[in-house]
Amino acid sequence: MRYLSRKLGFYLVALWAALTLNFLIPRMMPGDPVEIMLAKLGQKGPVTPESREAIEAMLGTDSSRPLWAQYGDYLAGLANGDLGVSLVFFPAPVSSIIAQTLPWTIGLIGLATIISFLTGVGLGTLAGWKRGSWMDNLIPVTTMFQSVPYFWLALILLFLLGSVWPVFPLNGGYDVYNVTPGWNGPFLASVVYYGTLPALTIILSSIGGWMLGMRNMMVSTLSDDYMVTAEAKGLRSRRIMMRYAARNAVLPSISGFAISLGFVVAGSIITEAVFSYPGIGSALLQAVGGNDYALMQGILLIITLSVLGANLLVDLLYSVIDPRIRARG
């Protein structure tokens, strides 16, 4: 319990620091969202001082109030579940924008991250166990995709598999003309079809790192004394590989996977921009371009909670996988 309480206390402090930065950073950026909103309203008619005050109150950027008071309103709004109103998608609330875009990002980036991790760790385990085999020689090929700039790899796949050989669609999240959104077969099949090429880009660009890291940890683990003892006891090779070698070698990869999984909700801005995918990364890009404080803060809040939650989960899993963590704690 002492180990758990220390971890929870650390993450609570980290959450408070992240929320504070989440409040301050957008306000340090150049540009004034109130002026942008007034410029839009000015195209339809004259803007009164009362309109400015109403917009400042709505966006939480009342310049007449001190910064600490705005910070208090920001924390009070979070406690009540109020994330504000989006400037870019006005008058839609931030919570509805996140609710619309987050499932797309989790479905694409989340599944692609899990597939690349499981595939890379599995291949890396075999490559480390069978050093010098064809599986081991496959690593330079997979790392080649990782060394290519991500946006360049996405554009190459989009050009080859979307234009030269039109196997996959060029953009979008589903066929907006022929299917109706909902939990039905045609819509889900269309989502999978449209998301295959973006997911393939993510998998190809990340699988090499997982495979190389796991392979190197397997080689290092196999040289430890307890591995020699296990072989001398006459244990089966499969049991040595899975229960002794792979279980200890996978620990650093689990940490990296937890961080990657936490950033899943951030989306992949490059992927969603190249493929025009309707995820949360595209919404964040539009929020930054439009100085939308509320939407930026809402999306960054979700990212913060997911990253901290993923790291807390992996800390708890570490204590289960490796009992030495509990002893040191």
C-alpha atoms as a PDB file:
ATOM      1  CA  MET A   1       0.000   0.000   0.000  1.00  0.00           C
ATOM      2  CA  ARG A   2       2.920   2.354   0.646  1.00  0.00           C
ATOM      3  CA  TYR A   3       4.165   1.773  -2.900  1.00  0.00           C
ATOM      4  CA  LEU A   4       0.682   2.373  -4.311  1.00  0.00           C
ATOM      5  CA  SER A   5       0.073   5.531  -2.260  1.00  0.00           C
ATOM      6  CA  ARG A   6       3.406   7.018  -3.355  1.00  0.00           C
ATOM      7  CA  LYS A   7       2.560   6.367  -6.981  1.00  0.00           C
ATOM      8  CA  LEU A   8      -0.925   7.861  -6.678  1.00  0.00           C
ATOM      9  CA  GLY A   9       0.459  10.944  -4.940  1.00  0.00           C
ATOM     10  CA  PHE A  10       3.041  11.457  -7.674  1.00  0.00           C
ATOM     11  CA  TYR A  11       0.438  11.192 -10.425  1.00  0.00           C
ATOM     12  CA  LEU A  12      -1.920  13.598  -8.665  1.00  0.00           C
ATOM     13  CA  VAL A  13       0.846  16.209  -8.519  1.00  0.00           C
ATOM     14  CA  ALA A  14       1.695  15.510 -12.163  1.00  0.00           C
ATOM     15  CA  LEU A  15      -1.981  15.941 -13.088  1.00  0.00           C
ATOM     16  CA  TRP A  16      -2.176  19.317 -11.341  1.00  0.00           C
ATOM     17  CA  ALA A  17       1.007  20.501 -13.094  1.00  0.00           C
ATOM     18  CA  ALA A  18      -0.316  19.331 -16.461  1.00  0.00           C
ATOM     19  CA  LEU A  19      -3.650  21.105 -15.935  1.00  0.00           C
ATOM     20  CA  THR A  20      -1.829  24.316 -15.033  1.00  0.00           C
ATOM     21  CA  LEU A  21       0.332  24.162 -18.156  1.00  0.00           C
ATOM     22  CA  ASN A  22      -2.762  23.291 -20.156  1.00  0.00           C
ATOM     23  CA  PHE A  23      -4.275  26.576 -18.972  1.00  0.00           C
ATOM     24  CA  LEU A  24      -1.186  28.752 -19.483  1.00  0.00           C
ATOM     25  CA  ILE A  25       0.286  27.554 -22.790  1.00  0.00           C
ATOM     26  CA  PRO A  26      -2.656  28.475 -25.063  1.00  0.00           C
ATOM     27  CA  ARG A  27      -2.746  31.954 -23.521  1.00  0.00           C
ATOM     28  CA  MET A  28       0.941  32.459 -24.300  1.00  0.00           C
ATOM     29  CA  MET A  29       0.359  31.826 -27.987  1.00  0.00           C
ATOM     30  CA  PRO A  30       0.103  34.786 -30.383  1.00  0.00           C
ATOM     31  CA  GLY A  31      -3.340  35.881 -31.514  1.00  0.00           C
ATOM     32  CA  ASP A  32      -6.587  36.709 -29.742  1.00  0.00           C
ATOM     33  CA  PRO A  33      -9.571  34.347 -30.166  1.00  0.00           C
ATOM     34  CA  VAL A  34     -11.952  37.125 -29.126  1.00  0.00           C
ATOM     35  CA  GLU A  35     -10.804  39.323 -32.004  1.00  0.00           C
ATOM     36  CA  ILE A  36     -11.196  36.386 -34.399  1.00  0.00           C
ATOM     37  CA  MET A  37     -14.752  35.834 -33.199  1.00  0.00           C
ATOM     38  CA  LEU A  38     -15.576  39.543 -33.423  1.00  0.00           C
ATOM     39  CA  ALA A  39     -14.192  39.670 -36.953  1.00  0.00           C
ATOM     40  CA  LYS A  40     -16.567  36.874 -37.954  1.00  0.00           C
ATOM     41  CA  LEU A  41     -19.506  38.636 -36.330  1.00  0.00           C
ATOM     42  CA  GLY A  42     -18.474  41.955 -37.874  1.00  0.00           C
ATOM     43  CA  GLN A  43     -19.098  40.549 -41.332  1.00  0.00           C
ATOM     44  CA  LYS A  44     -22.793  40.261 -40.475  1.00  0.00           C
ATOM     45  CA  GLY A  45     -23.252  43.611 -38.765  1.00  0.00           C
ATOM     46  CA  PRO A  46     -21.874  46.063 -36.189  1.00  0.00           C
ATOM     47  CA  VAL A  47     -20.375  44.654 -32.997  1.00  0.00           C
ATOM     48  CA  THR A  48     -21.284  46.327 -29.695  1.00  0.00           C
ATOM     49  CA  PRO A  49     -19.172  46.422 -26.519  1.00  0.00           C
ATOM     50  CA  GLU A  50     -21.750  44.158 -24.908  1.00  0.00           C
ATOM     51  CA  SER A  51     -21.050  41.556 -27.608  1.00  0.00           C
ATOM     52  CA  ARG A  52     -17.342  41.658 -26.770  1.00  0.00           C
ATOM     53  CA  GLU A  53     -18.038  41.146 -23.077  1.00  0.00           C
ATOM     54  CA  ALA A  54     -20.373  38.238 -23.808  1.00  0.00           C
ATOM     55  CA  ILE A  55     -17.814  36.534 -26.066  1.00  0.00           C
ATOM     56  CA  GLU A  56     -15.013  37.018 -23.517  1.00  0.00           C
ATOM     57  CA  ALA A  57     -17.181  35.505 -20.804  1.00  0.00           C
ATOM     58  CA  MET A  58     -18.147  32.607 -23.041  1.00  0.00           C
ATOM     59  CA  LEU A  59     -14.545  31.846 -24.065  1.00  0.00           C
ATOM     60  CA  GLY A  60     -13.150  32.416 -20.572  1.00  0.00           C
ATOM     61  CA  THR A  61     -10.661  35.065 -21.729  1.00  0.00           C
ATOM     62  CA  ASP A  62     -12.053  38.153 -19.989  1.00  0.00           C
ATOM     63  CA  SER A  63      -9.089  40.563 -20.080  1.00  0.00           C
ATOM     64  CA  SER A  64     -10.589  42.650 -17.273  1.00  0.00           C
ATOM     65  CA  ARG A  65     -10.183  39.787 -14.816  1.00  0.00           C
ATOM     66  CA  PRO A  66      -6.774  38.728 -13.459  1.00  0.00           C
ATOM     67  CA  LEU A  67      -5.187  35.536 -14.678  1.00  0.00           C
ATOM     68  CA  TRP A  68      -5.615  33.744 -11.360  1.00  0.00           C
ATOM     69  CA  ALA A  69      -9.370  34.363 -11.499  1.00  0.00           C
ATOM     70  CA  GLN A  70      -9.530  32.902 -14.991  1.00  0.00           C
ATOM     71  CA  TYR A  71      -7.542  29.931 -13.688  1.00  0.00           C
ATOM     72  CA  GLY A  72     -10.081  29.439 -10.893  1.00  0.00           C
ATOM     73  CA  ASP A  73     -12.944  29.521 -13.397  1.00  0.00           C
ATOM     74  CA  TYR A  74     -11.056  27.011 -15.543  1.00  0.00           C
ATOM     75  CA  LEU A  75     -10.666  24.543 -12.667  1.00  0.00           C
ATOM     76  CA  ALA A  76     -14.279  25.036 -11.581  1.00  0.00           C
ATOM     77  CA  GLY A  77     -15.459  24.328 -15.121  1.00  0.00           C
ATOM     78  CA  LEU A  78     -13.406  21.137 -15.242  1.00  0.00           C
ATOM     79  CA  ALA A  79     -14.869  20.011 -11.919  1.00  0.00           C
ATOM     80  CA  ASN A  80     -18.363  20.476 -13.377  1.00  0.00           C
ATOM     81  CA  GLY A  81     -17.510  18.786 -16.659  1.00  0.00           C
ATOM     82  CA  ASP A  82     -17.792  22.024 -18.632  1.00  0.00           C
ATOM     83  CA  LEU A  83     -15.011  22.261 -21.243  1.00  0.00           C
ATOM     84  CA  GLY A  84     -16.343  25.419 -22.852  1.00  0.00           C
ATOM     85  CA  VAL A  85     -17.531  26.307 -26.337  1.00  0.00           C
ATOM     86  CA  SER A  86     -15.403  25.744 -29.423  1.00  0.00           C
ATOM     87  CA  LEU A  87     -14.420  28.796 -31.439  1.00  0.00           C
ATOM     88  CA  VAL A  88     -13.610  26.927 -34.648  1.00  0.00           C
ATOM     89  CA  PHE A  89     -16.813  24.844 -34.545  1.00  0.00           C
ATOM     90  CA  PHE A  90     -18.942  27.548 -32.894  1.00  0.00           C
ATOM     91  CA  PRO A  91     -21.440  27.153 -31.267  1.00  0.00           C
ATOM     92  CA  ALA A  92     -20.727  23.451 -30.675  1.00  0.00           C
ATOM     93  CA  PRO A  93     -19.430  22.632 -27.159  1.00  0.00           C
ATOM     94  CA  VAL A  94     -15.941  21.178 -26.850  1.00  0.00           C
ATOM     95  CA  SER A  95     -17.247  17.981 -25.260  1.00  0.00           C
ATOM     96  CA  SER A  96     -19.353  17.174 -28.336  1.00  0.00           C
ATOM     97  CA  ILE A  97     -16.398  17.772 -30.700  1.00  0.00           C
ATOM     98  CA  ILE A  98     -14.223  15.423 -28.653  1.00  0.00           C
ATOM     99  CA  ALA A  99     -17.015  12.841 -28.464  1.00  0.00           C
ATOM    100  CA  GLN A 100     -17.356  12.887 -32.262  1.00  0.00           C
ATOM    101  CA  THR A 101     -13.650  12.678 -33.141  1.00  0.00           C
ATOM    102  CA  LEU A 102     -12.203  10.542 -30.333  1.00  0.00           C
ATOM    103  CA  PRO A 103     -13.765   7.196 -31.404  1.00  0.00           C
ATOM    104  CA  TRP A 104     -12.235   7.582 -34.877  1.00  0.00           C
ATOM    105  CA  THR A 105      -8.771   8.151 -33.438  1.00  0.00           C
ATOM    106  CA  ILE A 106      -8.986   5.331 -30.889  1.00  0.00           C
ATOM    107  CA  GLY A 107     -10.245   2.930 -33.536  1.00  0.00           C
ATOM    108  CA  LEU A 108      -7.451   3.749 -35.984  1.00  0.00           C
ATOM    109  CA  ILE A 109      -4.397   4.708 -33.932  1.00  0.00           C
ATOM    110  CA  GLY A 110      -5.223   2.388 -31.031  1.00  0.00           C
ATOM    111  CA  LEU A 111      -5.647  -0.761 -33.090  1.00  0.00           C
ATOM    112  CA  ALA A 112      -2.621   0.068 -35.251  1.00  0.00           C
ATOM    113  CA  THR A 113      -0.464   0.627 -32.149  1.00  0.00           C
ATOM    114  CA  ILE A 114      -1.589  -2.643 -30.541  1.00  0.00           C
ATOM    115  CA  ILE A 115      -1.024  -4.618 -33.752  1.00  0.00           C
ATOM    116  CA  SER A 116       2.433  -3.138 -34.320  1.00  0.00           C
ATOM    117  CA  PHE A 117       3.440  -3.771 -30.682  1.00  0.00           C
ATOM    118  CA  LEU A 118       2.268  -7.387 -30.574  1.00  0.00           C
ATOM    119  CA  THR A 119       3.742  -8.173 -33.977  1.00  0.00           C
ATOM    120  CA  GLY A 120       7.034  -6.421 -33.278  1.00  0.00           C
ATOM    121  CA  VAL A 121       7.487  -7.991 -29.833  1.00  0.00           C
ATOM    122  CA  GLY A 122       6.597 -11.441 -31.158  1.00  0.00           C
ATOM    123  CA  LEU A 123       9.012 -11.205 -34.078  1.00  0.00           C
ATOM    124  CA  GLY A 124      11.680  -9.685 -31.829  1.00  0.00           C
ATOM    125  CA  THR A 125      11.340 -12.581 -29.379  1.00  0.00           C
ATOM    126  CA  LEU A 126      11.875 -15.120 -32.150  1.00  0.00           C
ATOM    127  CA  ALA A 127      14.745 -13.104 -33.641  1.00  0.00           C
ATOM    128  CA  GLY A 128      16.524 -12.915 -30.287  1.00  0.00           C
ATOM    129  CA  TRP A 129      15.960 -16.600 -29.571  1.00  0.00           C
ATOM    130  CA  LYS A 130      17.123 -17.703 -33.026  1.00  0.00           C
ATOM    131  CA  ARG A 131      20.065 -15.375 -33.508  1.00  0.00           C
ATOM    132  CA  GLY A 132      21.499 -15.433 -37.010  1.00  0.00           C
ATOM    133  CA  SER A 133      18.354 -16.933 -38.578  1.00  0.00           C
ATOM    134  CA  TRP A 134      16.296 -15.397 -41.373  1.00  0.00           C
ATOM    135  CA  MET A 135      14.066 -13.849 -38.719  1.00  0.00           C
ATOM    136  CA  ASP A 136      17.056 -12.021 -37.299  1.00  0.00           C
ATOM    137  CA  ASN A 137      17.993 -10.783 -40.766  1.00  0.00           C
ATOM    138  CA  LEU A 138      14.501  -9.355 -41.189  1.00  0.00           C
ATOM    139  CA  ILE A 139      15.204  -6.572 -38.687  1.00  0.00           C
ATOM    140  CA  PRO A 140      17.122  -4.267 -41.104  1.00  0.00           C
ATOM    141  CA  VAL A 141      14.148  -4.409 -43.487  1.00  0.00           C
ATOM    142  CA  THR A 142      11.646  -3.382 -40.805  1.00  0.00           C
ATOM    143  CA  THR A 143      13.875  -0.634 -39.409  1.00  0.00           C
ATOM    144  CA  MET A 144      14.233   0.778 -42.926  1.00  0.00           C
ATOM    145  CA  PHE A 145      10.578   1.837 -42.827  1.00  0.00           C
ATOM    146  CA  GLN A 146      11.160   3.501 -39.462  1.00  0.00           C
ATOM    147  CA  SER A 147      14.077   5.536 -40.815  1.00  0.00           C
ATOM    148  CA  VAL A 148      11.945   6.944 -43.638  1.00  0.00           C
ATOM    149  CA  PRO A 149      10.225  10.237 -42.658  1.00  0.00           C
ATOM    150  CA  TYR A 150       6.724   9.381 -41.553  1.00  0.00           C
ATOM    151  CA  PHE A 151       4.903  11.847 -43.793  1.00  0.00           C
ATOM    152  CA  TRP A 152       6.967  10.679 -46.782  1.00  0.00           C
ATOM    153  CA  LEU A 153       6.053   7.043 -46.147  1.00  0.00           C
ATOM    154  CA  ALA A 154       2.367   8.027 -45.879  1.00  0.00           C
ATOM    155  CA  LEU A 155       2.515   9.951 -49.158  1.00  0.00           C
ATOM    156  CA  ILE A 156       4.297   7.079 -50.934  1.00  0.00           C
ATOM    157  CA  LEU A 157       1.692   4.531 -49.813  1.00  0.00           C
ATOM    158  CA  LEU A 158      -1.099   6.937 -50.675  1.00  0.00           C
ATOM    159  CA  PHE A 159       0.324   7.462 -54.157  1.00  0.00           C
ATOM    160  CA  LEU A 160       1.016   3.786 -54.864  1.00  0.00           C
ATOM    161  CA  LEU A 161      -2.016   2.093 -53.269  1.00  0.00           C
ATOM    162  CA  GLY A 162      -4.473   4.932 -53.703  1.00  0.00           C
ATOM    163  CA  SER A 163      -3.599   6.456 -57.064  1.00  0.00           C
ATOM    164  CA  VAL A 164      -1.366   4.181 -59.176  1.00  0.00           C
ATOM    165  CA  TRP A 165      -3.128   1.011 -58.031  1.00  0.00           C
ATOM    166  CA  PRO A 166      -6.474   2.213 -56.612  1.00  0.00           C
ATOM    167  CA  VAL A 167      -6.730  -0.479 -53.947  1.00  0.00           C
ATOM    168  CA  PHE A 168      -7.714   1.876 -51.123  1.00  0.00           C
ATOM    169  CA  PRO A 169      -9.536   5.241 -51.041  1.00  0.00           C
ATOM    170  CA  LEU A 170      -7.507   8.443 -50.996  1.00  0.00           C
ATOM    171  CA  ASN A 171      -9.159  10.196 -48.042  1.00  0.00           C
ATOM    172  CA  GLY A 172     -11.990  10.181 -45.531  1.00  0.00           C
ATOM    173  CA  GLY A 173     -13.149   7.892 -42.778  1.00  0.00           C
ATOM    174  CA  TYR A 174     -15.973   6.101 -44.591  1.00  0.00           C
ATOM    175  CA  ASP A 175     -18.040   6.209 -47.768  1.00  0.00           C
ATOM    176  CA  VAL A 176     -20.252   9.231 -47.136  1.00  0.00           C
ATOM    177  CA  TYR A 177     -22.329   8.627 -50.272  1.00  0.00           C
ATOM    178  CA  ASN A 178     -23.346   4.986 -50.037  1.00  0.00           C
ATOM    179  CA  VAL A 179     -23.510   4.053 -46.334  1.00  0.00           C
ATOM    180  CA  THR A 180     -25.369   5.387 -43.309  1.00  0.00           C
ATOM    181  CA  PRO A 181     -23.379   5.887 -40.071  1.00  0.00           C
ATOM    182  CA  GLY A 182     -24.386   3.518 -37.301  1.00  0.00           C
ATOM    183  CA  TRP A 183     -23.783   0.062 -35.900  1.00  0.00           C
ATOM    184  CA  ASN A 184     -24.481  -1.748 -39.135  1.00  0.00           C
ATOM    185  CA  GLY A 185     -22.406  -4.035 -41.338  1.00  0.00           C
ATOM    186  CA  PRO A 186     -21.952  -1.770 -44.388  1.00  0.00           C
ATOM    187  CA  PHE A 187     -20.806   1.190 -42.275  1.00  0.00           C
ATOM    188  CA  LEU A 188     -18.331  -0.864 -40.205  1.00  0.00           C
ATOM    189  CA  ALA A 189     -16.957  -2.512 -43.353  1.00  0.00           C
ATOM    190  CA  SER A 190     -16.504   0.921 -44.930  1.00  0.00           C
ATOM    191  CA  VAL A 191     -14.696   2.219 -41.833  1.00  0.00           C
ATOM    192  CA  VAL A 192     -12.297  -0.736 -41.898  1.00  0.00           C
ATOM    193  CA  TYR A 193     -11.720  -0.302 -45.628  1.00  0.00           C
ATOM    194  CA  TYR A 194     -10.991   3.433 -45.357  1.00  0.00           C
ATOM    195  CA  GLY A 195      -8.785   2.968 -42.287  1.00  0.00           C
ATOM    196  CA  THR A 196      -6.623   0.141 -43.641  1.00  0.00           C
ATOM    197  CA  LEU A 197      -4.122   2.328 -45.481  1.00  0.00           C
ATOM    198  CA  PRO A 198      -3.563   4.815 -42.605  1.00  0.00           C
ATOM    199  CA  ALA A 199      -3.212   1.886 -40.186  1.00  0.00           C
ATOM    200  CA  LEU A 200      -0.722   0.174 -42.511  1.00  0.00           C
ATOM    201  CA  THR A 201       1.373   3.348 -42.516  1.00  0.00           C
ATOM    202  CA  ILE A 202       1.475   3.439 -38.718  1.00  0.00           C
ATOM    203  CA  ILE A 203       2.322  -0.263 -38.427  1.00  0.00           C
ATOM    204  CA  LEU A 204       5.140  -0.148 -40.985  1.00  0.00           C
ATOM    205  CA  SER A 205       6.699   2.927 -39.379  1.00  0.00           C
ATOM    206  CA  SER A 206       6.710   1.532 -35.828  1.00  0.00           C
ATOM    207  CA  ILE A 207       7.059  -2.246 -36.006  1.00  0.00           C
ATOM    208  CA  GLY A 208      10.827  -2.075 -36.598  1.00  0.00           C
ATOM    209  CA  GLY A 209      11.481  -0.266 -33.318  1.00  0.00           C
ATOM    210  CA  TRP A 210       9.500  -2.786 -31.263  1.00  0.00           C
ATOM    211  CA  MET A 211      11.203  -5.692 -33.004  1.00  0.00           C
ATOM    212  CA  LEU A 212      14.741  -4.314 -32.605  1.00  0.00           C
ATOM    213  CA  GLY A 213      14.236  -3.386 -28.946  1.00  0.00           C
ATOM    214  CA  MET A 214      12.785  -6.778 -28.033  1.00  0.00           C
ATOM    215  CA  ARG A 215      15.496  -8.632 -29.949  1.00  0.00           C
ATOM    216  CA  ASN A 216      18.286  -6.788 -28.119  1.00  0.00           C
ATOM    217  CA  MET A 217      16.664  -7.356 -24.723  1.00  0.00           C
ATOM    218  CA  MET A 218      16.267 -11.072 -25.503  1.00  0.00           C
ATOM    219  CA  VAL A 219      19.963 -11.363 -26.388  1.00  0.00           C
ATOM    220  CA  SER A 220      20.915  -9.582 -23.167  1.00  0.00           C
ATOM    221  CA  THR A 221      18.560 -11.706 -21.052  1.00  0.00           C
ATOM    222  CA  LEU A 222      19.720 -14.996 -22.550  1.00  0.00           C
ATOM    223  CA  SER A 223      23.265 -14.313 -21.312  1.00  0.00           C
ATOM    224  CA  ASP A 224      22.213 -14.010 -17.651  1.00  0.00           C
ATOM    225  CA  ASP A 225      23.169 -16.676 -15.142  1.00  0.00           C
ATOM    226  CA  TYR A 226      19.625 -17.775 -14.358  1.00  0.00           C
ATOM    227  CA  MET A 227      19.103 -18.591 -18.039  1.00  0.00           C
ATOM    228  CA  VAL A 228      22.168 -20.830 -18.010  1.00  0.00           C
ATOM    229  CA  THR A 229      20.805 -22.491 -14.862  1.00  0.00           C
ATOM    230  CA  ALA A 230      17.434 -23.082 -16.509  1.00  0.00           C
ATOM    231  CA  GLU A 231      19.114 -24.753 -19.494  1.00  0.00           C
ATOM    232  CA  ALA A 232      21.294 -26.849 -17.185  1.00  0.00           C
ATOM    233  CA  LYS A 233      18.171 -28.089 -15.365  1.00  0.00           C
ATOM    234  CA  GLY A 234      16.951 -29.525 -18.654  1.00  0.00           C
ATOM    235  CA  LEU A 235      13.836 -27.367 -19.046  1.00  0.00           C
ATOM    236  CA  ARG A 236      12.137 -27.329 -22.413  1.00  0.00           C
ATOM    237  CA  SER A 237      13.256 -24.621 -24.837  1.00  0.00           C
ATOM    238  CA  ARG A 238       9.745 -23.251 -25.251  1.00  0.00           C
ATOM    239  CA  ARG A 239       9.325 -22.856 -21.499  1.00  0.00           C
ATOM    240  CA  ILE A 240      12.712 -21.152 -21.150  1.00  0.00           C
ATOM    241  CA  MET A 241      11.933 -18.754 -23.984  1.00  0.00           C
ATOM    242  CA  MET A 242       8.442 -17.733 -22.867  1.00  0.00           C
ATOM    243  CA  ARG A 243       8.524 -17.987 -19.065  1.00  0.00           C
ATOM    244  CA  TYR A 244      12.075 -16.901 -18.307  1.00  0.00           C
ATOM    245  CA  ALA A 245      13.544 -14.981 -21.246  1.00  0.00           C
ATOM    246  CA  ALA A 246      10.593 -13.224 -22.878  1.00  0.00           C
ATOM    247  CA  ARG A 247       8.856 -12.349 -19.598  1.00  0.00           C
ATOM    248  CA  ASN A 248      11.880 -10.409 -18.330  1.00  0.00           C
ATOM    249  CA  ALA A 249      12.949  -9.009 -21.699  1.00  0.00           C
ATOM    250  CA  VAL A 250       9.547  -7.500 -22.440  1.00  0.00           C
ATOM    251  CA  LEU A 251       9.535  -5.135 -19.429  1.00  0.00           C
ATOM    252  CA  PRO A 252      11.173  -2.129 -21.193  1.00  0.00           C
ATOM    253  CA  SER A 253       8.885  -2.650 -24.192  1.00  0.00           C
ATOM    254  CA  ILE A 254       5.839  -2.539 -21.908  1.00  0.00           C
ATOM    255  CA  SER A 255       6.918   0.886 -20.652  1.00  0.00           C
ATOM    256  CA  GLY A 256       7.267   2.169 -24.206  1.00  0.00           C
ATOM    257  CA  PHE A 257       3.940   0.624 -25.159  1.00  0.00           C
ATOM    258  CA  ALA A 258       2.178   2.302 -22.247  1.00  0.00           C
ATOM    259  CA  ILE A 259       3.494   5.697 -23.318  1.00  0.00           C
ATOM    260  CA  SER A 260       2.481   5.025 -26.930  1.00  0.00           C
ATOM    261  CA  LEU A 261      -0.947   3.852 -25.829  1.00  0.00           C
ATOM    262  CA  GLY A 262      -1.393   6.961 -23.734  1.00  0.00           C
ATOM    263  CA  PHE A 263      -0.709   9.158 -26.741  1.00  0.00           C
ATOM    264  CA  VAL A 264      -3.239   7.264 -28.846  1.00  0.00           C
ATOM    265  CA  VAL A 265      -5.960   9.794 -28.024  1.00  0.00           C
ATOM    266  CA  ALA A 266      -3.714  12.560 -29.339  1.00  0.00           C
ATOM    267  CA  GLY A 267      -4.071  10.942 -32.702  1.00  0.00           C
ATOM    268  CA  SER A 268      -1.477  11.163 -35.392  1.00  0.00           C
ATOM    269  CA  ILE A 269      -1.762  14.670 -36.786  1.00  0.00           C
ATOM    270  CA  ILE A 270       0.357  13.799 -39.825  1.00  0.00           C
ATOM    271  CA  THR A 271      -1.632  10.656 -40.587  1.00  0.00           C
ATOM    272  CA  GLU A 272      -4.981  12.358 -40.198  1.00  0.00           C
ATOM    273  CA  ALA A 273      -3.817  15.350 -42.248  1.00  0.00           C
ATOM    274  CA  VAL A 274      -2.414  13.255 -45.114  1.00  0.00           C
ATOM    275  CA  PHE A 275      -5.418  10.941 -45.306  1.00  0.00           C
ATOM    276  CA  SER A 276      -8.015  13.596 -44.301  1.00  0.00           C
ATOM    277  CA  TYR A 277      -9.119  11.304 -41.484  1.00  0.00           C
ATOM    278  CA  PRO A 278     -11.802  12.726 -39.149  1.00  0.00           C
ATOM    279  CA  GLY A 279      -9.920  12.106 -35.907  1.00  0.00           C
ATOM    280  CA  ILE A 280      -9.000  14.181 -32.885  1.00  0.00           C
ATOM    281  CA  GLY A 281      -5.610  15.055 -34.387  1.00  0.00           C
ATOM    282  CA  SER A 282      -7.341  16.968 -37.171  1.00  0.00           C
ATOM    283  CA  ALA A 283      -9.501  18.771 -34.609  1.00  0.00           C
ATOM    284  CA  LEU A 284      -6.379  19.738 -32.627  1.00  0.00           C
ATOM    285  CA  LEU A 285      -4.716  21.048 -35.784  1.00  0.00           C
ATOM    286  CA  GLN A 286      -7.742  23.231 -36.544  1.00  0.00           C
ATOM    287  CA  ALA A 287      -7.883  24.428 -32.934  1.00  0.00           C
ATOM    288  CA  VAL A 288      -4.233  25.549 -33.036  1.00  0.00           C
ATOM    289  CA  GLY A 289      -4.751  27.302 -36.364  1.00  0.00           C
ATOM    290  CA  GLY A 290      -7.860  29.098 -35.075  1.00  0.00           C
ATOM    291  CA  ASN A 291      -6.545  29.986 -31.579  1.00  0.00           C
ATOM    292  CA  ASP A 292      -9.384  27.984 -30.099  1.00  0.00           C
ATOM    293  CA  TYR A 293      -8.391  27.981 -26.409  1.00  0.00           C
ATOM    294  CA  ALA A 294     -11.286  25.874 -25.217  1.00  0.00           C
ATOM    295  CA  LEU A 295     -10.855  23.111 -27.793  1.00  0.00           C
ATOM    296  CA  MET A 296      -7.077  23.004 -27.326  1.00  0.00           C
ATOM    297  CA  GLN A 297      -7.473  22.758 -23.558  1.00  0.00           C
ATOM    298  CA  GLY A 298     -10.136  20.071 -23.869  1.00  0.00           C
ATOM    299  CA  ILE A 299      -8.073  17.903 -26.210  1.00  0.00           C
ATOM    300  CA  LEU A 300      -4.876  18.390 -24.196  1.00  0.00           C
ATOM    301  CA  LEU A 301      -6.808  17.461 -21.050  1.00  0.00           C
ATOM    302  CA  ILE A 302      -7.878  14.163 -22.613  1.00  0.00           C
ATOM    303  CA  ILE A 303      -4.282  13.534 -23.737  1.00  0.00           C
ATOM    304  CA  THR A 304      -2.968  14.292 -20.242  1.00  0.00           C
ATOM    305  CA  LEU A 305      -5.433  11.972 -18.531  1.00  0.00           C
ATOM    306  CA  SER A 306      -4.724   9.153 -20.986  1.00  0.00           C
ATOM    307  CA  VAL A 307      -0.926   9.426 -20.671  1.00  0.00           C
ATOM    308  CA  LEU A 308      -0.994   9.589 -16.875  1.00  0.00           C
ATOM    309  CA  GLY A 309      -3.517   6.760 -16.707  1.00  0.00           C
ATOM    310  CA  ALA A 310      -1.450   4.578 -19.029  1.00  0.00           C
ATOM    311  CA  ASN A 311       1.721   5.189 -17.009  1.00  0.00           C
ATOM    312  CA  LEU A 312      -0.060   4.468 -13.734  1.00  0.00           C
ATOM    313  CA  LEU A 313      -1.419   1.257 -15.205  1.00  0.00           C
ATOM    314  CA  VAL A 314       2.011   0.121 -16.361  1.00  0.00           C
ATOM    315  CA  ASP A 315       3.475   0.884 -12.920  1.00  0.00           C
ATOM    316  CA  LEU A 316       0.856  -1.369 -11.371  1.00  0.00           C
ATOM    317  CA  LEU A 317       1.456  -4.047 -14.006  1.00  0.00           C
ATOM    318  CA  TYR A 318       5.195  -3.848 -13.350  1.00  0.00           C
ATOM    319  CA  SER A 319       4.622  -4.791  -9.728  1.00  0.00           C
ATOM    320  CA  VAL A 320       2.695  -7.868 -10.910  1.00  0.00           C
ATOM    321  CA  ILE A 321       5.102  -8.924 -13.669  1.00  0.00           C
ATOM    322  CA  ASP A 322       8.284  -8.221 -11.695  1.00  0.00           C
ATOM    323  CA  PRO A 323       7.948  -8.732  -7.909  1.00  0.00           C
ATOM    324  CA  ARG A 324      11.321  -7.009  -7.406  1.00  0.00           C
ATOM    325  CA  ILE A 325       9.519  -3.692  -8.043  1.00  0.00           C
ATOM    326  CA  ARG A 326       7.355  -4.224  -4.963  1.00  0.00           C
ATOM    327  CA  ALA A 327      10.392  -5.110  -2.892  1.00  0.00           C
ATOM    328  CA  ARG A 328      12.252  -1.958  -3.929  1.00  0.00           C
ATOM    329  CA  GLY A 329       9.084   0.086  -3.408  1.00  0.00           C
END
